PDB file of N, CA and C in Angstrom:
ATOM      1  N   UNK A   1     -57.594  34.509 -11.861  1.00  0.00           N
ATOM      2  CA  UNK A   1     -56.708  33.699 -11.052  1.00  0.00           C
ATOM      3  C   UNK A   1     -57.487  33.015  -9.919  1.00  0.00           C
ATOM      4  N   UNK A   2     -58.382  33.756  -9.290  1.00  0.00           N
ATOM      5  CA  UNK A   2     -59.147  33.172  -8.185  1.00  0.00           C
ATOM      6  C   UNK A   2     -60.022  32.039  -8.691  1.00  0.00           C
ATOM      7  N   UNK A   3     -60.677  32.246  -9.840  1.00  0.00           N
ATOM      8  CA  UNK A   3     -61.557  31.211 -10.378  1.00  0.00           C
ATOM      9  C   UNK A   3     -60.775  29.938 -10.655  1.00  0.00           C
ATOM     10  N   UNK A   4     -59.598  30.057 -11.266  1.00  0.00           N
ATOM     11  CA  UNK A   4     -58.837  28.854 -11.587  1.00  0.00           C
ATOM     12  C   UNK A   4     -58.381  28.128 -10.322  1.00  0.00           C
ATOM     13  N   UNK A   5     -58.007  28.857  -9.307  1.00  0.00           N
ATOM     14  CA  UNK A   5     -57.586  28.229  -8.053  1.00  0.00           C
ATOM     15  C   UNK A   5     -58.784  27.604  -7.348  1.00  0.00           C
ATOM     16  N   UNK A   6     -59.891  28.320  -7.318  1.00  0.00           N
ATOM     17  CA  UNK A   6     -61.067  27.849  -6.574  1.00  0.00           C
ATOM     18  C   UNK A   6     -61.733  26.657  -7.246  1.00  0.00           C
ATOM     19  N   UNK A   7     -61.654  26.567  -8.556  1.00  0.00           N
ATOM     20  CA  UNK A   7     -62.351  25.490  -9.256  1.00  0.00           C
ATOM     21  C   UNK A   7     -61.432  24.363  -9.689  1.00  0.00           C
ATOM     22  N   UNK A   8     -60.182  24.388  -9.242  1.00  0.00           N
ATOM     23  CA  UNK A   8     -59.249  23.317  -9.598  1.00  0.00           C
ATOM     24  C   UNK A   8     -59.794  21.981  -9.084  1.00  0.00           C
ATOM     25  N   UNK A   9     -59.937  21.048  -9.953  1.00  0.00           N
ATOM     26  CA  UNK A   9     -60.436  19.729  -9.575  1.00  0.00           C
ATOM     27  C   UNK A   9     -61.929  19.691  -9.301  1.00  0.00           C
ATOM     28  N   UNK A  10     -62.690  20.675  -9.767  1.00  0.00           N
ATOM     29  CA  UNK A  10     -64.116  20.764  -9.451  1.00  0.00           C
ATOM     30  C   UNK A  10     -64.926  19.616 -10.035  1.00  0.00           C
ATOM     31  N   UNK A  11     -64.390  18.919 -11.035  1.00  0.00           N
ATOM     32  CA  UNK A  11     -65.140  17.819 -11.635  1.00  0.00           C
ATOM     33  C   UNK A  11     -65.396  16.699 -10.642  1.00  0.00           C
ATOM     34  N   UNK A  12     -64.542  16.593  -9.653  1.00  0.00           N
ATOM     35  CA  UNK A  12     -64.670  15.484  -8.707  1.00  0.00           C
ATOM     36  C   UNK A  12     -65.324  15.886  -7.392  1.00  0.00           C
ATOM     37  N   UNK A  13     -65.742  17.120  -7.276  1.00  0.00           N
ATOM     38  CA  UNK A  13     -66.322  17.576  -6.014  1.00  0.00           C
ATOM     39  C   UNK A  13     -67.717  17.018  -5.809  1.00  0.00           C
ATOM     40  N   UNK A  14     -68.071  16.829  -4.540  1.00  0.00           N
ATOM     41  CA  UNK A  14     -69.441  16.459  -4.195  1.00  0.00           C
ATOM     42  C   UNK A  14     -70.260  17.734  -4.026  1.00  0.00           C
ATOM     43  N   UNK A  15     -71.559  17.560  -3.845  1.00  0.00           N
ATOM     44  CA  UNK A  15     -72.432  18.731  -3.705  1.00  0.00           C
ATOM     45  C   UNK A  15     -72.062  19.552  -2.479  1.00  0.00           C
ATOM     46  N   UNK A  16     -71.685  18.912  -1.382  1.00  0.00           N
ATOM     47  CA  UNK A  16     -71.318  19.670  -0.180  1.00  0.00           C
ATOM     48  C   UNK A  16     -70.059  20.478  -0.410  1.00  0.00           C
ATOM     49  N   UNK A  17     -69.139  19.937  -1.201  1.00  0.00           N
ATOM     50  CA  UNK A  17     -67.938  20.705  -1.519  1.00  0.00           C
ATOM     51  C   UNK A  17     -68.281  21.900  -2.402  1.00  0.00           C
ATOM     52  N   UNK A  18     -69.299  21.743  -3.246  1.00  0.00           N
ATOM     53  CA  UNK A  18     -69.728  22.869  -4.075  1.00  0.00           C
ATOM     54  C   UNK A  18     -70.370  23.941  -3.208  1.00  0.00           C
ATOM     55  N   UNK A  19     -71.021  23.535  -2.120  1.00  0.00           N
ATOM     56  CA  UNK A  19     -71.528  24.525  -1.172  1.00  0.00           C
ATOM     57  C   UNK A  19     -70.369  25.250  -0.509  1.00  0.00           C
ATOM     58  N   UNK A  20     -69.276  24.542  -0.275  1.00  0.00           N
ATOM     59  CA  UNK A  20     -68.089  25.182   0.276  1.00  0.00           C
ATOM     60  C   UNK A  20     -67.545  26.213  -0.706  1.00  0.00           C
ATOM     61  N   UNK A  21     -67.692  25.953  -1.987  1.00  0.00           N
ATOM     62  CA  UNK A  21     -67.280  26.911  -3.004  1.00  0.00           C
ATOM     63  C   UNK A  21     -68.122  28.179  -2.923  1.00  0.00           C
ATOM     64  N   UNK A  22     -69.414  28.028  -2.639  1.00  0.00           N
ATOM     65  CA  UNK A  22     -70.288  29.206  -2.460  1.00  0.00           C
ATOM     66  C   UNK A  22     -69.844  30.021  -1.234  1.00  0.00           C
ATOM     67  N   UNK A  23     -69.480  29.326  -0.167  1.00  0.00           N
ATOM     68  CA  UNK A  23     -69.009  30.029   1.036  1.00  0.00           C
ATOM     69  C   UNK A  23     -67.705  30.766   0.745  1.00  0.00           C
ATOM     70  N   UNK A  24     -66.823  30.135  -0.015  1.00  0.00           N
ATOM     71  CA  UNK A  24     -65.579  30.789  -0.409  1.00  0.00           C
ATOM     72  C   UNK A  24     -65.884  32.039  -1.236  1.00  0.00           C
ATOM     73  N   UNK A  25     -66.853  31.921  -2.135  1.00  0.00           N
ATOM     74  CA  UNK A  25     -67.234  33.058  -2.970  1.00  0.00           C
ATOM     75  C   UNK A  25     -67.739  34.220  -2.101  1.00  0.00           C
ATOM     76  N   UNK A  26     -68.600  33.925  -1.141  1.00  0.00           N
ATOM     77  CA  UNK A  26     -69.109  34.981  -0.250  1.00  0.00           C
ATOM     78  C   UNK A  26     -67.990  35.619   0.562  1.00  0.00           C
ATOM     79  N   UNK A  27     -67.028  34.800   0.980  1.00  0.00           N
ATOM     80  CA  UNK A  27     -65.894  35.326   1.738  1.00  0.00           C
ATOM     81  C   UNK A  27     -65.098  36.307   0.882  1.00  0.00           C
ATOM     82  N   UNK A  28     -64.883  35.985  -0.385  1.00  0.00           N
ATOM     83  CA  UNK A  28     -64.154  36.868  -1.293  1.00  0.00           C
ATOM     84  C   UNK A  28     -64.943  38.164  -1.516  1.00  0.00           C
ATOM     85  N   UNK A  29     -66.260  38.040  -1.705  1.00  0.00           N
ATOM     86  CA  UNK A  29     -67.103  39.234  -1.917  1.00  0.00           C
ATOM     87  C   UNK A  29     -67.056  40.120  -0.676  1.00  0.00           C
ATOM     88  N   UNK A  30     -67.075  39.524   0.508  1.00  0.00           N
ATOM     89  CA  UNK A  30     -66.970  40.320   1.744  1.00  0.00           C
ATOM     90  C   UNK A  30     -65.661  41.100   1.780  1.00  0.00           C
ATOM     91  N   UNK A  31     -64.587  40.474   1.327  1.00  0.00           N
ATOM     92  CA  UNK A  31     -63.293  41.165   1.288  1.00  0.00           C
ATOM     93  C   UNK A  31     -63.311  42.310   0.271  1.00  0.00           C
ATOM     94  N   UNK A  32     -63.922  42.064  -0.883  1.00  0.00           N
ATOM     95  CA  UNK A  32     -63.948  43.074  -1.945  1.00  0.00           C
ATOM     96  C   UNK A  32     -64.778  44.284  -1.526  1.00  0.00           C
ATOM     97  N   UNK A  33     -65.988  44.048  -1.030  1.00  0.00           N
ATOM     98  CA  UNK A  33     -66.884  45.153  -0.668  1.00  0.00           C
ATOM     99  C   UNK A  33     -66.586  45.725   0.712  1.00  0.00           C
ATOM    100  N   UNK A  34     -65.909  44.986   1.541  1.00  0.00           N
ATOM    101  CA  UNK A  34     -65.556  45.478   2.863  1.00  0.00           C
ATOM    102  C   UNK A  34     -66.718  45.415   3.844  1.00  0.00           C
ATOM    103  N   UNK A  35     -66.496  45.851   5.074  1.00  0.00           N
ATOM    104  CA  UNK A  35     -67.546  45.800   6.096  1.00  0.00           C
ATOM    105  C   UNK A  35     -68.606  46.873   5.854  1.00  0.00           C
ATOM    106  N   UNK A  36     -69.730  46.715   6.542  1.00  0.00           N
ATOM    107  CA  UNK A  36     -70.825  47.684   6.443  1.00  0.00           C
ATOM    108  C   UNK A  36     -70.887  48.481   7.745  1.00  0.00           C
ATOM    109  N   UNK A  37     -71.237  49.770   7.632  1.00  0.00           N
ATOM    110  CA  UNK A  37     -71.357  50.636   8.805  1.00  0.00           C
ATOM    111  C   UNK A  37     -72.803  50.589   9.293  1.00  0.00           C
ATOM    112  N   UNK A  38     -72.983  50.304  10.573  1.00  0.00           N
ATOM    113  CA  UNK A  38     -74.322  50.248  11.153  1.00  0.00           C
ATOM    114  C   UNK A  38     -74.236  50.808  12.567  1.00  0.00           C
ATOM    115  N   UNK A  39     -74.976  51.875  12.836  1.00  0.00           N
ATOM    116  CA  UNK A  39     -74.972  52.533  14.153  1.00  0.00           C
ATOM    117  C   UNK A  39     -73.547  52.894  14.596  1.00  0.00           C
ATOM    118  N   UNK A  40     -72.806  53.493  13.696  1.00  0.00           N
ATOM    119  CA  UNK A  40     -71.424  53.906  13.949  1.00  0.00           C
ATOM    120  C   UNK A  40     -70.506  52.745  14.341  1.00  0.00           C
ATOM    121  N   UNK A  41     -70.858  51.534  13.927  1.00  0.00           N
ATOM    122  CA  UNK A  41     -70.031  50.348  14.196  1.00  0.00           C
ATOM    123  C   UNK A  41     -69.878  49.572  12.888  1.00  0.00           C
ATOM    124  N   UNK A  42     -68.687  49.026  12.693  1.00  0.00           N
ATOM    125  CA  UNK A  42     -68.434  48.215  11.512  1.00  0.00           C
ATOM    126  C   UNK A  42     -68.804  46.765  11.799  1.00  0.00           C
ATOM    127  N   UNK A  43     -69.385  46.126  10.807  1.00  0.00           N
ATOM    128  CA  UNK A  43     -69.742  44.697  10.913  1.00  0.00           C
ATOM    129  C   UNK A  43     -69.574  44.060   9.540  1.00  0.00           C
ATOM    130  N   UNK A  44     -69.498  42.718   9.538  1.00  0.00           N
ATOM    131  CA  UNK A  44     -69.386  42.036   8.249  1.00  0.00           C
ATOM    132  C   UNK A  44     -70.744  42.070   7.557  1.00  0.00           C
ATOM    133  N   UNK A  45     -70.717  41.962   6.259  1.00  0.00           N
ATOM    134  CA  UNK A  45     -71.972  41.976   5.495  1.00  0.00           C
ATOM    135  C   UNK A  45     -72.683  40.638   5.632  1.00  0.00           C
ATOM    136  N   UNK A  46     -73.999  40.708   5.746  1.00  0.00           N
ATOM    137  CA  UNK A  46     -74.821  39.513   5.833  1.00  0.00           C
ATOM    138  C   UNK A  46     -74.992  38.903   4.443  1.00  0.00           C
ATOM    139  N   UNK A  47     -75.363  37.620   4.398  1.00  0.00           N
ATOM    140  CA  UNK A  47     -75.559  36.943   3.120  1.00  0.00           C
ATOM    141  C   UNK A  47     -76.622  37.635   2.269  1.00  0.00           C
ATOM    142  N   UNK A  48     -77.678  38.138   2.912  1.00  0.00           N
ATOM    143  CA  UNK A  48     -78.739  38.827   2.166  1.00  0.00           C
ATOM    144  C   UNK A  48     -78.185  40.081   1.482  1.00  0.00           C
ATOM    145  N   UNK A  49     -77.307  40.791   2.172  1.00  0.00           N
ATOM    146  CA  UNK A  49     -76.704  41.983   1.585  1.00  0.00           C
ATOM    147  C   UNK A  49     -75.807  41.621   0.402  1.00  0.00           C
ATOM    148  N   UNK A  50     -75.083  40.542   0.547  1.00  0.00           N
ATOM    149  CA  UNK A  50     -74.220  40.100  -0.556  1.00  0.00           C
ATOM    150  C   UNK A  50     -75.063  39.692  -1.752  1.00  0.00           C
ATOM    151  N   UNK A  51     -76.162  38.967  -1.493  1.00  0.00           N
ATOM    152  CA  UNK A  51     -77.057  38.579  -2.588  1.00  0.00           C
ATOM    153  C   UNK A  51     -77.656  39.802  -3.265  1.00  0.00           C
ATOM    154  N   UNK A  52     -77.978  40.825  -2.489  1.00  0.00           N
ATOM    155  CA  UNK A  52     -78.518  42.056  -3.072  1.00  0.00           C
ATOM    156  C   UNK A  52     -77.460  42.765  -3.920  1.00  0.00           C
ATOM    157  N   UNK A  53     -76.220  42.779  -3.456  1.00  0.00           N
ATOM    158  CA  UNK A  53     -75.147  43.396  -4.232  1.00  0.00           C
ATOM    159  C   UNK A  53     -74.908  42.669  -5.550  1.00  0.00           C
ATOM    160  N   UNK A  54     -74.995  41.358  -5.515  1.00  0.00           N
ATOM    161  CA  UNK A  54     -74.747  40.554  -6.713  1.00  0.00           C
ATOM    162  C   UNK A  54     -75.989  40.372  -7.571  1.00  0.00           C
ATOM    163  N   UNK A  55     -77.136  40.821  -7.059  1.00  0.00           N
ATOM    164  CA  UNK A  55     -78.424  40.683  -7.754  1.00  0.00           C
ATOM    165  C   UNK A  55     -78.723  39.223  -8.108  1.00  0.00           C
ATOM    166  N   UNK A  56     -78.414  38.338  -7.178  1.00  0.00           N
ATOM    167  CA  UNK A  56     -78.732  36.922  -7.368  1.00  0.00           C
ATOM    168  C   UNK A  56     -77.770  36.166  -8.264  1.00  0.00           C
ATOM    169  N   UNK A  57     -76.789  36.845  -8.845  1.00  0.00           N
ATOM    170  CA  UNK A  57     -75.813  36.174  -9.712  1.00  0.00           C
ATOM    171  C   UNK A  57     -74.701  35.572  -8.868  1.00  0.00           C
ATOM    172  N   UNK A  58     -74.161  34.487  -9.342  1.00  0.00           N
ATOM    173  CA  UNK A  58     -72.993  33.891  -8.713  1.00  0.00           C
ATOM    174  C   UNK A  58     -71.780  34.194  -9.576  1.00  0.00           C
ATOM    175  N   UNK A  59     -70.683  34.490  -8.958  1.00  0.00           N
ATOM    176  CA  UNK A  59     -69.459  34.739  -9.710  1.00  0.00           C
ATOM    177  C   UNK A  59     -68.892  33.420 -10.214  1.00  0.00           C
ATOM    178  N   UNK A  60     -68.872  32.430  -9.352  1.00  0.00           N
ATOM    179  CA  UNK A  60     -68.364  31.117  -9.728  1.00  0.00           C
ATOM    180  C   UNK A  60     -69.565  30.261 -10.111  1.00  0.00           C
ATOM    181  N   UNK A  61     -69.568  29.825 -11.354  1.00  0.00           N
ATOM    182  CA  UNK A  61     -70.679  29.000 -11.843  1.00  0.00           C
ATOM    183  C   UNK A  61     -70.200  27.564 -11.986  1.00  0.00           C
ATOM    184  N   UNK A  62     -71.104  26.637 -11.745  1.00  0.00           N
ATOM    185  CA  UNK A  62     -70.776  25.238 -11.953  1.00  0.00           C
ATOM    186  C   UNK A  62     -72.025  24.528 -12.429  1.00  0.00           C
ATOM    187  N   UNK A  63     -71.823  23.393 -13.070  1.00  0.00           N
ATOM    188  CA  UNK A  63     -72.925  22.595 -13.555  1.00  0.00           C
ATOM    189  C   UNK A  63     -72.885  21.241 -12.857  1.00  0.00           C
ATOM    190  N   UNK A  64     -74.067  20.750 -12.540  1.00  0.00           N
ATOM    191  CA  UNK A  64     -74.166  19.397 -12.030  1.00  0.00           C
ATOM    192  C   UNK A  64     -74.457  18.523 -13.224  1.00  0.00           C
ATOM    193  N   UNK A  65     -73.624  17.543 -13.436  1.00  0.00           N
ATOM    194  CA  UNK A  65     -73.772  16.682 -14.604  1.00  0.00           C
ATOM    195  C   UNK A  65     -75.020  15.822 -14.448  1.00  0.00           C
ATOM    196  N   UNK A  66     -75.936  15.967 -15.383  1.00  0.00           N
ATOM    197  CA  UNK A  66     -77.189  15.208 -15.347  1.00  0.00           C
ATOM    198  C   UNK A  66     -77.001  13.809 -15.931  1.00  0.00           C
ATOM    199  N   UNK A  67     -76.059  13.683 -16.859  1.00  0.00           N
ATOM    200  CA  UNK A  67     -75.940  12.420 -17.576  1.00  0.00           C
ATOM    201  C   UNK A  67     -74.828  11.535 -17.029  1.00  0.00           C
ATOM    202  N   UNK A  68     -74.569  11.649 -15.749  1.00  0.00           N
ATOM    203  CA  UNK A  68     -73.534  10.824 -15.137  1.00  0.00           C
ATOM    204  C   UNK A  68     -73.977   9.365 -15.165  1.00  0.00           C
ATOM    205  N   UNK A  69     -73.100   8.506 -15.657  1.00  0.00           N
ATOM    206  CA  UNK A  69     -73.454   7.102 -15.786  1.00  0.00           C
ATOM    207  C   UNK A  69     -73.529   6.444 -14.417  1.00  0.00           C
ATOM    208  N   UNK A  70     -74.529   5.602 -14.270  1.00  0.00           N
ATOM    209  CA  UNK A  70     -74.664   4.823 -13.039  1.00  0.00           C
ATOM    210  C   UNK A  70     -73.725   3.635 -13.154  1.00  0.00           C
ATOM    211  N   UNK A  71     -72.896   3.460 -12.156  1.00  0.00           N
ATOM    212  CA  UNK A  71     -71.974   2.340 -12.133  1.00  0.00           C
ATOM    213  C   UNK A  71     -72.475   1.303 -11.155  1.00  0.00           C
ATOM    214  N   UNK A  72     -71.977   0.114 -11.351  1.00  0.00           N
ATOM    215  CA  UNK A  72     -72.314  -0.915 -10.364  1.00  0.00           C
ATOM    216  C   UNK A  72     -71.571  -0.579  -9.081  1.00  0.00           C
ATOM    217  N   UNK A  73     -72.107  -0.962  -7.935  1.00  0.00           N
ATOM    218  CA  UNK A  73     -71.448  -0.654  -6.668  1.00  0.00           C
ATOM    219  C   UNK A  73     -70.062  -1.300  -6.606  1.00  0.00           C
ATOM    220  N   UNK A  74     -69.168  -0.633  -5.901  1.00  0.00           N
ATOM    221  CA  UNK A  74     -67.835  -1.182  -5.736  1.00  0.00           C
ATOM    222  C   UNK A  74     -67.904  -2.493  -4.968  1.00  0.00           C
ATOM    223  N   UNK A  75     -67.040  -3.402  -5.353  1.00  0.00           N
ATOM    224  CA  UNK A  75     -67.024  -4.691  -4.683  1.00  0.00           C
ATOM    225  C   UNK A  75     -66.395  -4.536  -3.292  1.00  0.00           C
ATOM    226  N   UNK A  76     -67.076  -5.070  -2.314  1.00  0.00           N
ATOM    227  CA  UNK A  76     -66.554  -5.029  -0.957  1.00  0.00           C
ATOM    228  C   UNK A  76     -65.655  -6.232  -0.717  1.00  0.00           C
ATOM    229  N   UNK A  77     -64.856  -6.157   0.313  1.00  0.00           N
ATOM    230  CA  UNK A  77     -63.967  -7.255   0.663  1.00  0.00           C
ATOM    231  C   UNK A  77     -64.764  -8.524   0.918  1.00  0.00           C
ATOM    232  N   UNK A  78     -65.888  -8.389   1.627  1.00  0.00           N
ATOM    233  CA  UNK A  78     -66.708  -9.550   1.947  1.00  0.00           C
ATOM    234  C   UNK A  78     -67.266 -10.193   0.680  1.00  0.00           C
ATOM    235  N   UNK A  79     -67.647  -9.376  -0.313  1.00  0.00           N
ATOM    236  CA  UNK A  79     -68.135  -9.924  -1.586  1.00  0.00           C
ATOM    237  C   UNK A  79     -67.045 -10.757  -2.252  1.00  0.00           C
ATOM    238  N   UNK A  80     -65.822 -10.280  -2.194  1.00  0.00           N
ATOM    239  CA  UNK A  80     -64.696 -10.997  -2.790  1.00  0.00           C
ATOM    240  C   UNK A  80     -64.471 -12.327  -2.077  1.00  0.00           C
ATOM    241  N   UNK A  81     -64.541 -12.321  -0.757  1.00  0.00           N
ATOM    242  CA  UNK A  81     -64.378 -13.556   0.018  1.00  0.00           C
ATOM    243  C   UNK A  81     -65.496 -14.541  -0.319  1.00  0.00           C
ATOM    244  N   UNK A  82     -66.723 -14.052  -0.397  1.00  0.00           N
ATOM    245  CA  UNK A  82     -67.856 -14.930  -0.727  1.00  0.00           C
ATOM    246  C   UNK A  82     -67.706 -15.539  -2.111  1.00  0.00           C
ATOM    247  N   UNK A  83     -67.234 -14.755  -3.071  1.00  0.00           N
ATOM    248  CA  UNK A  83     -67.016 -15.289  -4.427  1.00  0.00           C
ATOM    249  C   UNK A  83     -65.949 -16.375  -4.415  1.00  0.00           C
ATOM    250  N   UNK A  84     -64.870 -16.149  -3.666  1.00  0.00           N
ATOM    251  CA  UNK A  84     -63.817 -17.167  -3.568  1.00  0.00           C
ATOM    252  C   UNK A  84     -64.353 -18.445  -2.929  1.00  0.00           C
ATOM    253  N   UNK A  85     -65.168 -18.306  -1.891  1.00  0.00           N
ATOM    254  CA  UNK A  85     -65.725 -19.492  -1.226  1.00  0.00           C
ATOM    255  C   UNK A  85     -66.690 -20.232  -2.140  1.00  0.00           C
ATOM    256  N   UNK A  86     -67.401 -19.505  -3.003  1.00  0.00           N
ATOM    257  CA  UNK A  86     -68.278 -20.160  -3.983  1.00  0.00           C
ATOM    258  C   UNK A  86     -67.451 -20.949  -4.992  1.00  0.00           C
ATOM    259  N   UNK A  87     -66.318 -20.384  -5.427  1.00  0.00           N
ATOM    260  CA  UNK A  87     -65.435 -21.098  -6.363  1.00  0.00           C
ATOM    261  C   UNK A  87     -64.902 -22.376  -5.723  1.00  0.00           C
ATOM    262  N   UNK A  88     -64.647 -22.322  -4.429  1.00  0.00           N
ATOM    263  CA  UNK A  88     -64.122 -23.476  -3.709  1.00  0.00           C
ATOM    264  C   UNK A  88     -65.242 -24.438  -3.298  1.00  0.00           C
ATOM    265  N   UNK A  89     -66.493 -24.040  -3.539  1.00  0.00           N
ATOM    266  CA  UNK A  89     -67.677 -24.846  -3.191  1.00  0.00           C
ATOM    267  C   UNK A  89     -67.763 -25.137  -1.694  1.00  0.00           C
ATOM    268  N   UNK A  90     -67.495 -24.084  -0.898  1.00  0.00           N
ATOM    269  CA  UNK A  90     -67.589 -24.190   0.556  1.00  0.00           C
ATOM    270  C   UNK A  90     -68.986 -23.741   0.964  1.00  0.00           C
ATOM    271  N   UNK A  91     -69.689 -24.616   1.675  1.00  0.00           N
ATOM    272  CA  UNK A  91     -71.034 -24.286   2.142  1.00  0.00           C
ATOM    273  C   UNK A  91     -71.004 -24.132   3.657  1.00  0.00           C
ATOM    274  N   UNK A  92     -71.868 -23.250   4.185  1.00  0.00           N
ATOM    275  CA  UNK A  92     -71.930 -23.038   5.627  1.00  0.00           C
ATOM    276  C   UNK A  92     -70.673 -22.404   6.184  1.00  0.00           C
ATOM    277  N   UNK A  93     -70.077 -21.528   5.412  1.00  0.00           N
ATOM    278  CA  UNK A  93     -68.790 -20.946   5.800  1.00  0.00           C
ATOM    279  C   UNK A  93     -68.897 -20.036   7.014  1.00  0.00           C
ATOM    280  N   UNK A  94     -70.069 -19.440   7.242  1.00  0.00           N
ATOM    281  CA  UNK A  94     -70.216 -18.547   8.396  1.00  0.00           C
ATOM    282  C   UNK A  94     -70.091 -19.345   9.690  1.00  0.00           C
ATOM    283  N   UNK A  95     -70.716 -20.515   9.731  1.00  0.00           N
ATOM    284  CA  UNK A  95     -70.618 -21.360  10.924  1.00  0.00           C
ATOM    285  C   UNK A  95     -69.212 -21.927  11.082  1.00  0.00           C
ATOM    286  N   UNK A  96     -68.588 -22.323   9.958  1.00  0.00           N
ATOM    287  CA  UNK A  96     -67.221 -22.850  10.014  1.00  0.00           C
ATOM    288  C   UNK A  96     -66.245 -21.786  10.479  1.00  0.00           C
ATOM    289  N   UNK A  97     -66.481 -20.571  10.078  1.00  0.00           N
ATOM    290  CA  UNK A  97     -65.591 -19.471  10.438  1.00  0.00           C
ATOM    291  C   UNK A  97     -65.576 -19.250  11.953  1.00  0.00           C
ATOM    292  N   UNK A  98     -66.683 -19.496  12.591  1.00  0.00           N
ATOM    293  CA  UNK A  98     -66.771 -19.277  14.041  1.00  0.00           C
ATOM    294  C   UNK A  98     -66.040 -20.360  14.837  1.00  0.00           C
ATOM    295  N   UNK A  99     -65.812 -21.508  14.202  1.00  0.00           N
ATOM    296  CA  UNK A  99     -65.097 -22.601  14.876  1.00  0.00           C
ATOM    297  C   UNK A  99     -63.741 -22.746  14.207  1.00  0.00           C
ATOM    298  N   UNK A 100     -62.708 -22.363  14.931  1.00  0.00           N
ATOM    299  CA  UNK A 100     -61.350 -22.279  14.388  1.00  0.00           C
ATOM    300  C   UNK A 100     -60.873 -23.599  13.774  1.00  0.00           C
ATOM    301  N   UNK A 101     -61.196 -24.714  14.432  1.00  0.00           N
ATOM    302  CA  UNK A 101     -60.730 -26.007  13.928  1.00  0.00           C
ATOM    303  C   UNK A 101     -61.406 -26.383  12.603  1.00  0.00           C
ATOM    304  N   UNK A 102     -62.616 -25.864  12.344  1.00  0.00           N
ATOM    305  CA  UNK A 102     -63.282 -26.119  11.070  1.00  0.00           C
ATOM    306  C   UNK A 102     -62.863 -25.094  10.004  1.00  0.00           C
ATOM    307  N   UNK A 103     -62.473 -23.919  10.443  1.00  0.00           N
ATOM    308  CA  UNK A 103     -62.130 -22.842   9.496  1.00  0.00           C
ATOM    309  C   UNK A 103     -60.706 -23.004   8.957  1.00  0.00           C
ATOM    310  N   UNK A 104     -59.794 -23.537   9.767  1.00  0.00           N
ATOM    311  CA  UNK A 104     -58.390 -23.661   9.361  1.00  0.00           C
ATOM    312  C   UNK A 104     -58.230 -24.470   8.059  1.00  0.00           C
ATOM    313  N   UNK A 105     -58.911 -25.614   7.883  1.00  0.00           N
ATOM    314  CA  UNK A 105     -58.764 -26.346   6.611  1.00  0.00           C
ATOM    315  C   UNK A 105     -59.277 -25.542   5.407  1.00  0.00           C
ATOM    316  N   UNK A 106     -60.297 -24.724   5.615  1.00  0.00           N
ATOM    317  CA  UNK A 106     -60.818 -23.892   4.527  1.00  0.00           C
ATOM    318  C   UNK A 106     -59.762 -22.871   4.109  1.00  0.00           C
ATOM    319  N   UNK A 107     -59.103 -22.273   5.079  1.00  0.00           N
ATOM    320  CA  UNK A 107     -58.062 -21.285   4.790  1.00  0.00           C
ATOM    321  C   UNK A 107     -56.890 -21.955   4.089  1.00  0.00           C
ATOM    322  N   UNK A 108     -56.488 -23.132   4.544  1.00  0.00           N
ATOM    323  CA  UNK A 108     -55.382 -23.854   3.918  1.00  0.00           C
ATOM    324  C   UNK A 108     -55.730 -24.216   2.476  1.00  0.00           C
ATOM    325  N   UNK A 109     -56.957 -24.642   2.249  1.00  0.00           N
ATOM    326  CA  UNK A 109     -57.387 -24.968   0.880  1.00  0.00           C
ATOM    327  C   UNK A 109     -57.376 -23.724   0.011  1.00  0.00           C
ATOM    328  N   UNK A 110     -57.792 -22.588   0.568  1.00  0.00           N
ATOM    329  CA  UNK A 110     -57.805 -21.341  -0.201  1.00  0.00           C
ATOM    330  C   UNK A 110     -56.392 -20.930  -0.583  1.00  0.00           C
ATOM    331  N   UNK A 111     -55.428 -21.160   0.301  1.00  0.00           N
ATOM    332  CA  UNK A 111     -54.034 -20.822  -0.015  1.00  0.00           C
ATOM    333  C   UNK A 111     -53.514 -21.657  -1.178  1.00  0.00           C
ATOM    334  N   UNK A 112     -53.951 -22.907  -1.226  1.00  0.00           N
ATOM    335  CA  UNK A 112     -53.472 -23.828  -2.264  1.00  0.00           C
ATOM    336  C   UNK A 112     -54.335 -23.787  -3.536  1.00  0.00           C
ATOM    337  N   UNK A 113     -55.492 -23.153  -3.461  1.00  0.00           N
ATOM    338  CA  UNK A 113     -56.437 -23.148  -4.589  1.00  0.00           C
ATOM    339  C   UNK A 113     -55.928 -22.260  -5.714  1.00  0.00           C
ATOM    340  N   UNK A 114     -55.798 -22.816  -6.938  1.00  0.00           N
ATOM    341  CA  UNK A 114     -55.347 -21.970  -8.054  1.00  0.00           C
ATOM    342  C   UNK A 114     -56.443 -21.007  -8.505  1.00  0.00           C
ATOM    343  N   UNK A 115     -56.049 -19.816  -8.855  1.00  0.00           N
ATOM    344  CA  UNK A 115     -57.011 -18.827  -9.380  1.00  0.00           C
ATOM    345  C   UNK A 115     -57.654 -17.946  -8.334  1.00  0.00           C
ATOM    346  N   UNK A 116     -57.237 -18.045  -7.087  1.00  0.00           N
ATOM    347  CA  UNK A 116     -57.808 -17.147  -6.077  1.00  0.00           C
ATOM    348  C   UNK A 116     -56.869 -16.029  -5.763  1.00  0.00           C
TER     349      UNK A 116
END
C-alpha cells in the first residue's frame, strides 16, 4: 500500500522529486525501526544507521528513463509574436513597438490579418 501511494504518478517526477521519495523512504524506515538508545537517551536514527540496516538496498526502486526522446523547446509567447510579425512582413518591430503611434497601426493590421 505504501509503495503504491508513494510512487503514484512517478513517471512524471523530476530527479529532485525522486530524492524526496528517498527521504520519504528513510522517514518510513525510522518509524518501523524506531529510535536508537544512546547514553540512556533516545534519538532518531542517522542515515548511516538506516543504510547499514538496509545493507545499501532501497525499498522503493525507480528507473531513470535513458531513452527519453528529446523534444523541441516549447514555443514562447515572444516566438509566436515574432512569427506573426514575419507573416505580416513587419520589419523593425522592436523600434515601432517603443513608439505607440507607430505600433498602433501594426496592432490594427494584426487584428484584421487572416490566419493569425
